[in-house]
Each structure stands twice: as C-alpha cells, then as structure tokens.
N, C-alpha and C. Protein backbone atom coordinates (compact mmCIF):
# COMPACT_ATOMS: atom_id res chain seq x y z
N TYR A 1 74.61 120.24 136.53
CA TYR A 1 74.00 119.31 135.87
C TYR A 1 74.20 117.86 136.24
N SER A 2 73.55 117.38 137.38
CA SER A 2 73.62 116.36 137.85
C SER A 2 73.21 115.22 137.05
N CYS A 3 74.10 114.12 136.53
CA CYS A 3 73.62 113.06 135.51
C CYS A 3 74.15 111.85 135.83
N PRO A 4 73.38 110.75 135.86
CA PRO A 4 74.00 109.40 136.11
C PRO A 4 74.88 108.91 135.13
N LEU A 5 75.81 108.14 135.54
CA LEU A 5 76.98 107.65 134.62
C LEU A 5 76.29 106.27 134.03
N VAL A 6 76.44 106.14 132.81
CA VAL A 6 76.16 104.81 132.22
C VAL A 6 77.21 104.17 131.35
N ALA A 7 77.64 103.15 132.03
CA ALA A 7 78.74 102.44 131.35
C ALA A 7 78.27 101.33 130.34
N ILE A 8 78.84 101.61 129.19
CA ILE A 8 78.50 100.76 128.01
C ILE A 8 79.84 99.70 127.89
N GLU A 9 79.49 98.51 128.52
CA GLU A 9 80.53 97.58 128.69
C GLU A 9 80.09 96.21 128.68
N LEU A 10 80.79 95.27 128.32
CA LEU A 10 80.33 93.79 128.37
C LEU A 10 80.03 93.49 129.75
N GLY A 11 79.03 92.53 129.84
CA GLY A 11 78.53 91.99 131.28
C GLY A 11 77.43 92.68 132.09
N GLY A 12 76.94 93.73 131.27
CA GLY A 12 75.84 94.52 131.88
C GLY A 12 74.46 94.18 131.49
N GLN A 13 73.57 95.01 131.71
CA GLN A 13 72.09 94.88 131.21
C GLN A 13 72.06 94.97 129.76
N SER A 14 71.15 94.22 129.03
CA SER A 14 71.09 94.36 127.59
C SER A 14 70.65 95.77 127.10
N LEU A 15 71.10 96.33 126.26
CA LEU A 15 70.54 97.69 125.61
C LEU A 15 69.29 97.55 125.14
N GLU A 16 68.94 96.34 124.57
CA GLU A 16 67.43 96.17 124.19
C GLU A 16 66.44 96.36 125.36
N HIS A 17 66.76 96.11 126.54
CA HIS A 17 65.90 96.42 127.55
C HIS A 17 66.15 97.59 128.59
N PHE A 18 67.08 98.30 128.13
CA PHE A 18 67.65 99.54 128.82
C PHE A 18 66.56 100.54 128.70
N THR A 19 66.16 101.40 129.63
CA THR A 19 65.50 102.54 129.37
C THR A 19 66.48 103.92 129.71
N HIS A 20 66.75 104.65 128.76
CA HIS A 20 67.77 105.58 128.81
C HIS A 20 67.22 106.84 129.83
N PRO A 21 67.98 107.18 130.56
CA PRO A 21 67.74 108.34 131.58
C PRO A 21 67.49 109.51 130.73
N GLN A 22 66.72 110.48 130.96
CA GLN A 22 66.55 111.78 130.35
C GLN A 22 67.86 112.50 129.96
N ARG A 23 68.66 112.56 131.11
CA ARG A 23 69.88 113.10 130.97
C ARG A 23 70.97 112.11 131.81
N CYS A 24 72.03 111.85 130.88
CA CYS A 24 72.87 111.04 131.44
C CYS A 24 74.50 111.25 130.81
N VAL A 25 75.52 110.64 131.24
CA VAL A 25 76.72 110.67 130.64
C VAL A 25 77.14 109.18 130.19
N TYR A 26 77.35 108.76 129.03
CA TYR A 26 77.67 107.63 128.53
C TYR A 26 79.22 107.38 128.66
N LEU A 27 79.73 106.28 129.12
CA LEU A 27 81.14 105.92 129.23
C LEU A 27 81.41 104.78 128.49
N LEU A 28 82.32 104.70 127.54
CA LEU A 28 82.58 103.69 126.56
C LEU A 28 84.14 103.38 126.86
N GLY A 29 84.52 102.30 127.29
CA GLY A 29 85.85 101.81 127.59
C GLY A 29 86.68 101.61 126.42
N SER A 30 87.90 101.53 126.47
CA SER A 30 88.84 101.12 125.48
C SER A 30 88.34 99.63 124.85
N GLU A 31 88.70 99.44 123.47
CA GLU A 31 88.49 98.11 123.16
C GLU A 31 89.16 97.17 123.65
N ASP A 32 90.49 97.17 124.16
CA ASP A 32 91.30 96.40 124.78
C ASP A 32 90.99 95.97 126.24
N TYR A 33 90.76 97.04 126.94
CA TYR A 33 90.74 96.73 128.41
C TYR A 33 89.45 97.14 128.97
N GLY A 34 88.64 97.93 128.16
CA GLY A 34 87.27 98.20 128.84
C GLY A 34 87.44 99.38 129.70
N ILE A 35 86.26 99.48 130.63
CA ILE A 35 86.27 100.41 131.48
C ILE A 35 86.78 99.75 132.97
N PRO A 36 87.78 100.50 133.51
CA PRO A 36 88.42 99.91 134.85
C PRO A 36 87.24 99.75 135.83
N PRO A 37 87.52 98.67 136.59
CA PRO A 37 86.44 98.35 137.67
C PRO A 37 86.08 99.39 138.67
N TYR A 38 86.87 100.40 139.04
CA TYR A 38 86.80 101.11 140.06
C TYR A 38 85.72 102.24 139.43
N ILE A 39 85.94 102.56 138.25
CA ILE A 39 84.93 103.42 137.44
C ILE A 39 83.52 102.84 137.29
N LEU A 40 83.55 101.41 136.98
CA LEU A 40 82.28 100.72 136.83
C LEU A 40 81.56 100.66 138.02
N GLN A 41 82.23 100.66 139.12
CA GLN A 41 81.48 100.88 140.50
C GLN A 41 80.75 102.04 140.62
N LYS A 42 81.23 103.30 140.13
CA LYS A 42 80.62 104.53 140.26
C LYS A 42 79.38 104.78 139.22
N CYS A 43 79.19 103.91 138.46
CA CYS A 43 78.16 104.10 137.37
C CYS A 43 76.77 103.66 138.14
N ALA A 44 75.77 104.28 137.51
CA ALA A 44 74.55 104.10 137.90
C ALA A 44 73.80 102.85 137.24
N TYR A 45 74.47 102.67 136.05
CA TYR A 45 73.95 101.75 135.00
C TYR A 45 75.14 100.97 134.40
N HIS A 46 75.00 99.79 134.07
CA HIS A 46 75.94 99.07 133.36
C HIS A 46 75.26 98.30 132.27
N VAL A 47 75.58 98.78 130.98
CA VAL A 47 74.83 98.45 129.92
C VAL A 47 75.58 97.68 128.87
N THR A 48 75.24 96.59 128.12
CA THR A 48 75.89 95.72 127.10
C THR A 48 75.17 95.90 125.94
N ILE A 49 75.98 96.02 124.70
CA ILE A 49 75.18 95.97 123.35
C ILE A 49 75.19 94.54 122.92
N PRO A 50 74.04 93.89 122.75
CA PRO A 50 74.06 92.49 122.15
C PRO A 50 74.72 92.29 121.05
N THR A 51 75.50 91.32 120.98
CA THR A 51 76.21 90.73 119.94
C THR A 51 76.26 89.22 119.60
N LEU A 52 76.44 88.94 118.45
CA LEU A 52 76.53 87.37 118.11
C LEU A 52 77.92 86.96 118.18
N ARG A 53 78.98 87.87 118.15
CA ARG A 53 80.19 87.42 118.38
C ARG A 53 80.74 87.89 119.77
N THR A 54 81.82 87.21 120.19
CA THR A 54 82.26 87.33 121.56
C THR A 54 83.16 88.67 121.79
N SER A 55 83.78 89.31 120.70
CA SER A 55 84.73 90.36 120.93
C SER A 55 83.90 91.59 120.98
N SER A 56 84.54 92.69 121.37
CA SER A 56 83.90 94.08 121.43
C SER A 56 83.53 94.81 120.23
N PHE A 57 82.78 95.67 120.12
CA PHE A 57 82.58 96.62 119.01
C PHE A 57 83.70 97.77 119.24
N ASN A 58 84.02 98.26 117.93
CA ASN A 58 84.99 99.49 118.07
C ASN A 58 84.23 100.40 118.60
N VAL A 59 85.03 101.35 119.50
CA VAL A 59 84.41 102.36 120.32
C VAL A 59 83.36 103.26 119.66
N ALA A 60 83.68 103.65 118.44
CA ALA A 60 82.85 104.60 117.61
C ALA A 60 81.68 104.01 117.19
N VAL A 61 81.67 102.83 117.00
CA VAL A 61 80.56 102.06 116.45
C VAL A 61 79.63 101.84 117.62
N ALA A 62 80.12 101.46 118.82
CA ALA A 62 79.42 101.34 119.92
C ALA A 62 78.67 102.56 120.44
N GLY A 63 79.28 103.84 120.35
CA GLY A 63 78.77 105.02 120.53
C GLY A 63 77.56 105.38 119.60
N GLY A 64 77.56 105.10 118.38
CA GLY A 64 76.68 105.27 117.31
C GLY A 64 75.35 104.35 117.65
N ILE A 65 75.72 103.07 117.89
CA ILE A 65 74.71 102.14 118.42
C ILE A 65 73.73 102.48 119.63
N VAL A 66 74.58 102.96 120.54
CA VAL A 66 73.82 103.60 121.70
C VAL A 66 72.99 104.83 121.51
N MET A 67 73.44 105.84 120.80
CA MET A 67 72.78 106.96 120.31
C MET A 67 71.58 106.62 119.46
N TYR A 68 71.71 105.69 118.60
CA TYR A 68 70.56 105.24 117.60
C TYR A 68 69.43 104.78 118.49
N ASP A 69 70.07 103.94 119.48
CA ASP A 69 68.96 103.24 120.38
C ASP A 69 68.32 104.16 121.23
N ARG A 70 68.82 105.19 121.75
CA ARG A 70 68.26 106.43 122.53
C ARG A 70 67.21 106.94 121.57
N LEU A 71 67.55 107.42 120.38
CA LEU A 71 66.66 108.14 119.60
C LEU A 71 65.57 107.26 119.27
N ALA A 72 65.57 106.08 118.84
CA ALA A 72 64.79 105.22 118.32
C ALA A 72 63.64 105.02 119.55
N LYS A 73 64.10 104.79 120.54
CA LYS A 73 63.25 104.62 121.77
C LYS A 73 62.48 106.10 122.23
N ALA A 74 63.22 107.20 121.89
CA ALA A 74 62.32 108.35 122.12
C ALA A 74 61.36 108.54 121.13
N LEU A 75 61.59 108.08 119.80
CA LEU A 75 60.62 108.23 118.93
C LEU A 75 59.44 107.46 119.05
N ARG A 76 59.48 106.19 119.59
CA ARG A 76 58.45 105.31 120.18
C ARG A 76 57.79 106.05 121.12
N GLN A 77 58.28 106.63 121.90
CA GLN A 77 57.58 107.46 123.05
C GLN A 77 56.97 108.71 122.67
N HIS A 78 57.41 109.30 121.55
CA HIS A 78 57.04 110.73 121.19
C HIS A 78 56.74 110.57 119.57
N PRO A 79 55.77 109.89 119.34
CA PRO A 79 55.64 109.56 117.79
C PRO A 79 55.25 110.94 117.05
N GLY A 80 55.65 111.05 115.99
CA GLY A 80 55.07 112.24 115.22
C GLY A 80 56.41 112.86 114.41
N SER A 81 57.40 113.18 115.07
CA SER A 81 58.46 113.93 114.22
C SER A 81 59.75 113.78 115.17
N MET A 82 61.01 113.52 114.36
CA MET A 82 62.17 113.62 115.03
C MET A 82 62.32 114.73 115.88
N ALA A 83 62.09 115.89 115.36
CA ALA A 83 62.11 117.18 116.05
C ALA A 83 61.49 117.18 117.51
N GLU A 84 60.39 116.62 117.53
CA GLU A 84 59.57 116.43 118.71
C GLU A 84 60.23 115.70 119.65
N ALA A 85 60.74 114.40 119.28
CA ALA A 85 61.60 113.53 120.11
C ALA A 85 62.70 114.00 120.69
N ALA A 86 63.39 114.73 119.78
CA ALA A 86 64.70 115.28 120.19
C ALA A 86 64.48 116.43 121.21
N ARG A 87 63.43 117.27 121.12
CA ARG A 87 63.11 118.32 122.21
C ARG A 87 62.58 117.57 123.44
N ALA A 88 61.95 116.44 123.35
CA ALA A 88 61.59 115.77 124.62
C ALA A 88 62.71 115.15 125.29
N GLU A 89 63.77 114.83 124.37
CA GLU A 89 64.92 114.20 125.13
C GLU A 89 65.89 115.40 125.47
N GLY A 90 65.70 116.40 125.20
CA GLY A 90 66.64 117.55 125.51
C GLY A 90 67.83 117.75 124.71
N ALA A 91 67.65 117.13 123.31
CA ALA A 91 68.77 117.17 122.52
C ALA A 91 69.16 118.58 122.19
N GLY A 92 70.30 118.57 121.65
CA GLY A 92 70.94 120.01 121.29
C GLY A 92 71.59 120.75 122.25
N GLY A 93 72.10 120.09 123.08
CA GLY A 93 73.05 120.59 124.24
C GLY A 93 72.23 121.68 125.07
N ASN A 94 72.75 122.70 125.68
CA ASN A 94 72.05 123.71 126.63
C ASN A 94 71.29 124.55 125.63
N SER A 95 70.02 124.77 125.73
CA SER A 95 69.18 125.43 124.94
C SER A 95 68.84 126.91 125.80
N VAL A 96 68.67 127.81 125.20
CA VAL A 96 68.38 129.09 125.94
C VAL A 96 66.97 129.60 125.57
N GLN A 97 66.19 129.84 126.55
CA GLN A 97 64.60 130.08 126.60
C GLN A 97 64.74 131.55 126.22
N ARG A 98 64.04 132.09 125.01
CA ARG A 98 63.79 133.33 124.81
C ARG A 98 62.30 133.75 125.03
N SER A 99 62.29 135.12 125.58
CA SER A 99 60.80 135.33 125.83
C SER A 99 60.48 136.45 124.97
C-alpha cells in the first residue's frame, strides 16, 4: 500500500485549496513541537489548517477538521449520498470483494 505522506502542520499549503490524494497517510505533529523537520522533508504534501489565531489546534481537533474536509470535498465530487462518496474514496479500510 504505497501512500503519500501528508503533513498537517503550520506553514504549508492551505487546507482550503488542498486536493486530498485518494489514498494517503496524514501525519499530525505534537501541539508543542509539531512535526520534526527531517520528517517534513519526507512528506509529499505539507498542509496547514487556516485559523484566525496564531497558535495550533489540539491534535484531535486538527485530525477531525482534516477528515471532515476530505469527506466534504468527496461529497462535492460524488453528489448523491455519503455512502457513494465513501466508496469512491475507498473508506472503510481494506474491503474484500465477494463473487
């Protein structure tokens, strides 16, 4: 399962304009120190959650915002139902095809 790494960290591309890869691994750093620079260099994408304040979000809140953004953008691409968008995004982990 080769997936690009997506760093969610201050100083990157705005989440508002980010196109989520179909498959990826999101990395969220600690609230105090963020993601170490040597790990950021290995990430295919560096994304920032826009905020009016200067401090960072709690890591759980940041993860929820990113997952909501991913689902909302998938629903815009695949209107109709949440289930259809989830299938198109490959949600639900490893699915097994039955014949």
